[in-house]
Amino acid sequence: MTAGTRQYTSSADSATQGAGDITVTAATDKILTLDPGGSGRTIDLVFVDTAETGVTTSFAEIFIDNVADGAEAFTVRDGNNSDSALCLIEQNKMAHFQWTGAKWVTTTGET
């Protein structure tokens, strides 16, 4: 299942990111195994339905695993709250994020 569901877990196969940043929504797989693809990337966690301003998903969790083959990191930002930085996921580290309905909370291997 996706990040917005509690019953099941879905995961995306390991993926190398091309140029550009990543946006995670309620429709994104719950477990992401990612390689930044040669340079640092930004991941924005967005759980506001842009079609209905202010409507949010009440619960979500996501796991992001950085499987970079070099010293490449993901900067993870709270896309719902002015893109404030949540953490940095370094090479071979993983982070867990939970959306509370108002904000993201996280546990990480690196901050």
C-alpha atoms as a PDB file:
ATOM      1  CA  MET A   1       0.000   0.000   0.000  1.00  0.00           C
ATOM      2  CA  THR A   2       0.915   3.619  -0.116  1.00  0.00           C
ATOM      3  CA  ALA A   3       2.241   5.987   2.528  1.00  0.00           C
ATOM      4  CA  GLY A   4      -1.290   6.954   3.575  1.00  0.00           C
ATOM      5  CA  THR A   5      -2.432   3.441   4.536  1.00  0.00           C
ATOM      6  CA  ARG A   6      -1.825   1.465   7.719  1.00  0.00           C
ATOM      7  CA  GLN A   7      -2.775  -2.107   6.808  1.00  0.00           C
ATOM      8  CA  TYR A   8      -0.228  -3.082   4.181  1.00  0.00           C
ATOM      9  CA  THR A   9       3.224  -2.118   3.070  1.00  0.00           C
ATOM     10  CA  SER A  10       4.253  -1.355  -0.473  1.00  0.00           C
ATOM     11  CA  SER A  11       7.750  -0.690  -1.641  1.00  0.00           C
ATOM     12  CA  ALA A  12       9.376   0.666  -4.724  1.00  0.00           C
ATOM     13  CA  ASP A  13      12.273  -1.215  -6.244  1.00  0.00           C
ATOM     14  CA  SER A  14      15.652   0.427  -5.866  1.00  0.00           C
ATOM     15  CA  ALA A  15      15.728   3.406  -8.167  1.00  0.00           C
ATOM     16  CA  THR A  16      18.469   5.754  -9.282  1.00  0.00           C
ATOM     17  CA  GLN A  17      17.255   9.328  -9.439  1.00  0.00           C
ATOM     18  CA  GLY A  18      17.984  11.442 -12.463  1.00  0.00           C
ATOM     19  CA  ALA A  19      18.255  15.190 -12.353  1.00  0.00           C
ATOM     20  CA  GLY A  20      15.713  16.887 -10.160  1.00  0.00           C
ATOM     21  CA  ASP A  21      14.093  16.539  -6.795  1.00  0.00           C
ATOM     22  CA  ILE A  22      11.492  14.100  -5.478  1.00  0.00           C
ATOM     23  CA  THR A  23       8.024  14.855  -4.126  1.00  0.00           C
ATOM     24  CA  VAL A  24       6.421  12.307  -1.800  1.00  0.00           C
ATOM     25  CA  THR A  25       2.614  12.320  -1.495  1.00  0.00           C
ATOM     26  CA  ALA A  26      -0.014  10.036   0.019  1.00  0.00           C
ATOM     27  CA  ALA A  27       0.092   8.006  -3.209  1.00  0.00           C
ATOM     28  CA  THR A  28       3.829   7.251  -2.922  1.00  0.00           C
ATOM     29  CA  ASP A  29       5.034   3.785  -1.927  1.00  0.00           C
ATOM     30  CA  LYS A  30       5.604   3.454   1.819  1.00  0.00           C
ATOM     31  CA  ILE A  31       9.165   2.118   1.489  1.00  0.00           C
ATOM     32  CA  LEU A  32      11.554   3.851  -0.907  1.00  0.00           C
ATOM     33  CA  THR A  33      15.032   2.537  -1.685  1.00  0.00           C
ATOM     34  CA  LEU A  34      16.774   5.294  -3.581  1.00  0.00           C
ATOM     35  CA  ASP A  35      20.171   6.231  -5.019  1.00  0.00           C
ATOM     36  CA  PRO A  36      20.605  10.000  -5.477  1.00  0.00           C
ATOM     37  CA  GLY A  37      22.327   9.332  -8.819  1.00  0.00           C
ATOM     38  CA  GLY A  38      25.581  11.253  -8.604  1.00  0.00           C
ATOM     39  CA  SER A  39      24.720  14.274  -6.474  1.00  0.00           C
ATOM     40  CA  GLY A  40      22.636  15.307  -3.495  1.00  0.00           C
ATOM     41  CA  ARG A  41      18.887  15.546  -3.992  1.00  0.00           C
ATOM     42  CA  THR A  42      15.961  17.076  -2.142  1.00  0.00           C
ATOM     43  CA  ILE A  43      12.904  15.087  -1.095  1.00  0.00           C
ATOM     44  CA  ASP A  44       9.780  17.118  -0.276  1.00  0.00           C
ATOM     45  CA  LEU A  45       7.163  15.400   1.893  1.00  0.00           C
ATOM     46  CA  VAL A  46       3.809  16.886   0.846  1.00  0.00           C
ATOM     47  CA  PHE A  47       0.534  15.707   2.386  1.00  0.00           C
ATOM     48  CA  VAL A  48      -1.800  18.600   1.621  1.00  0.00           C
ATOM     49  CA  ASP A  49      -4.271  17.925  -1.169  1.00  0.00           C
ATOM     50  CA  THR A  50      -3.479  20.784  -3.540  1.00  0.00           C
ATOM     51  CA  ALA A  51      -6.918  20.453  -5.161  1.00  0.00           C
ATOM     52  CA  GLU A  52      -8.524  21.304  -1.826  1.00  0.00           C
ATOM     53  CA  THR A  53      -6.317  23.779   0.000  1.00  0.00           C
ATOM     54  CA  GLY A  54      -5.914  22.900   3.637  1.00  0.00           C
ATOM     55  CA  VAL A  55      -7.228  19.325   3.415  1.00  0.00           C
ATOM     56  CA  THR A  56      -4.612  16.924   4.728  1.00  0.00           C
ATOM     57  CA  THR A  57      -4.125  13.222   5.144  1.00  0.00           C
ATOM     58  CA  SER A  58      -4.485  12.415   8.845  1.00  0.00           C
ATOM     59  CA  PHE A  59      -1.837   9.688   8.971  1.00  0.00           C
ATOM     60  CA  ALA A  60       1.095   8.596   6.868  1.00  0.00           C
ATOM     61  CA  GLU A  61       4.466   7.007   7.303  1.00  0.00           C
ATOM     62  CA  ILE A  62       7.323   6.477   4.925  1.00  0.00           C
ATOM     63  CA  PHE A  63      10.742   4.860   5.072  1.00  0.00           C
ATOM     64  CA  ILE A  64      13.524   6.165   2.839  1.00  0.00           C
ATOM     65  CA  ASP A  65      16.723   4.172   2.366  1.00  0.00           C
ATOM     66  CA  ASN A  66      19.698   5.889   0.718  1.00  0.00           C
ATOM     67  CA  VAL A  67      21.639   3.212  -1.188  1.00  0.00           C
ATOM     68  CA  ALA A  68      24.064   5.631  -2.872  1.00  0.00           C
ATOM     69  CA  ASP A  69      27.296   4.205  -4.208  1.00  0.00           C
ATOM     70  CA  GLY A  70      29.128   7.388  -3.193  1.00  0.00           C
ATOM     71  CA  ALA A  71      28.955  10.202  -0.653  1.00  0.00           C
ATOM     72  CA  GLU A  72      25.556  11.476  -1.848  1.00  0.00           C
ATOM     73  CA  ALA A  73      22.806  12.578   0.526  1.00  0.00           C
ATOM     74  CA  PHE A  74      19.100  13.355   0.449  1.00  0.00           C
ATOM     75  CA  THR A  75      17.890  16.528   2.146  1.00  0.00           C
ATOM     76  CA  VAL A  76      14.346  15.863   3.338  1.00  0.00           C
ATOM     77  CA  ARG A  77      11.997  18.828   3.763  1.00  0.00           C
ATOM     78  CA  ASP A  78       8.510  19.316   5.182  1.00  0.00           C
ATOM     79  CA  GLY A  79       6.616  20.407   2.085  1.00  0.00           C
ATOM     80  CA  ASN A  80       3.592  21.298   4.221  1.00  0.00           C
ATOM     81  CA  ASN A  81       5.418  23.781   6.446  1.00  0.00           C
ATOM     82  CA  SER A  82       7.471  26.215   4.372  1.00  0.00           C
ATOM     83  CA  ASP A  83       9.873  23.502   3.187  1.00  0.00           C
ATOM     84  CA  SER A  84      11.640  23.452   6.547  1.00  0.00           C
ATOM     85  CA  ALA A  85      14.461  20.903   6.645  1.00  0.00           C
ATOM     86  CA  LEU A  86      13.713  17.708   8.568  1.00  0.00           C
ATOM     87  CA  CYS A  87      16.958  15.790   8.134  1.00  0.00           C
ATOM     88  CA  LEU A  88      19.794  14.700   5.911  1.00  0.00           C
ATOM     89  CA  ILE A  89      19.918  11.033   4.893  1.00  0.00           C
ATOM     90  CA  GLU A  90      23.543  10.149   4.231  1.00  0.00           C
ATOM     91  CA  GLN A  91      24.860   7.252   2.130  1.00  0.00           C
ATOM     92  CA  ASN A  92      23.775   3.827   3.454  1.00  0.00           C
ATOM     93  CA  LYS A  93      21.436   5.369   6.053  1.00  0.00           C
ATOM     94  CA  MET A  94      17.665   5.089   6.384  1.00  0.00           C
ATOM     95  CA  ALA A  95      15.040   7.397   7.856  1.00  0.00           C
ATOM     96  CA  HIS A  96      11.474   6.879   9.049  1.00  0.00           C
ATOM     97  CA  PHE A  97       8.908   9.681   8.778  1.00  0.00           C
ATOM     98  CA  GLN A  98       5.418   9.892  10.242  1.00  0.00           C
ATOM     99  CA  TRP A  99       2.799  12.511   9.381  1.00  0.00           C
ATOM    100  CA  THR A 100       0.685  13.396  12.416  1.00  0.00           C
ATOM    101  CA  GLY A 101      -1.936  15.399  10.531  1.00  0.00           C
ATOM    102  CA  ALA A 102      -0.158  18.665  11.286  1.00  0.00           C
ATOM    103  CA  LYS A 103       3.571  17.991  11.012  1.00  0.00           C
ATOM    104  CA  TRP A 104       6.209  15.387  10.204  1.00  0.00           C
ATOM    105  CA  VAL A 105       8.170  13.606  12.924  1.00  0.00           C
ATOM    106  CA  THR A 106      11.253  11.583  12.067  1.00  0.00           C
ATOM    107  CA  THR A 107      13.845   9.147  13.287  1.00  0.00           C
ATOM    108  CA  THR A 108      16.995   8.924  11.232  1.00  0.00           C
ATOM    109  CA  GLY A 109      20.400   7.342  11.025  1.00  0.00           C
ATOM    110  CA  GLU A 110      21.904  10.806  10.484  1.00  0.00           C
ATOM    111  CA  THR A 111      20.531  14.287  11.059  1.00  0.00           C
END
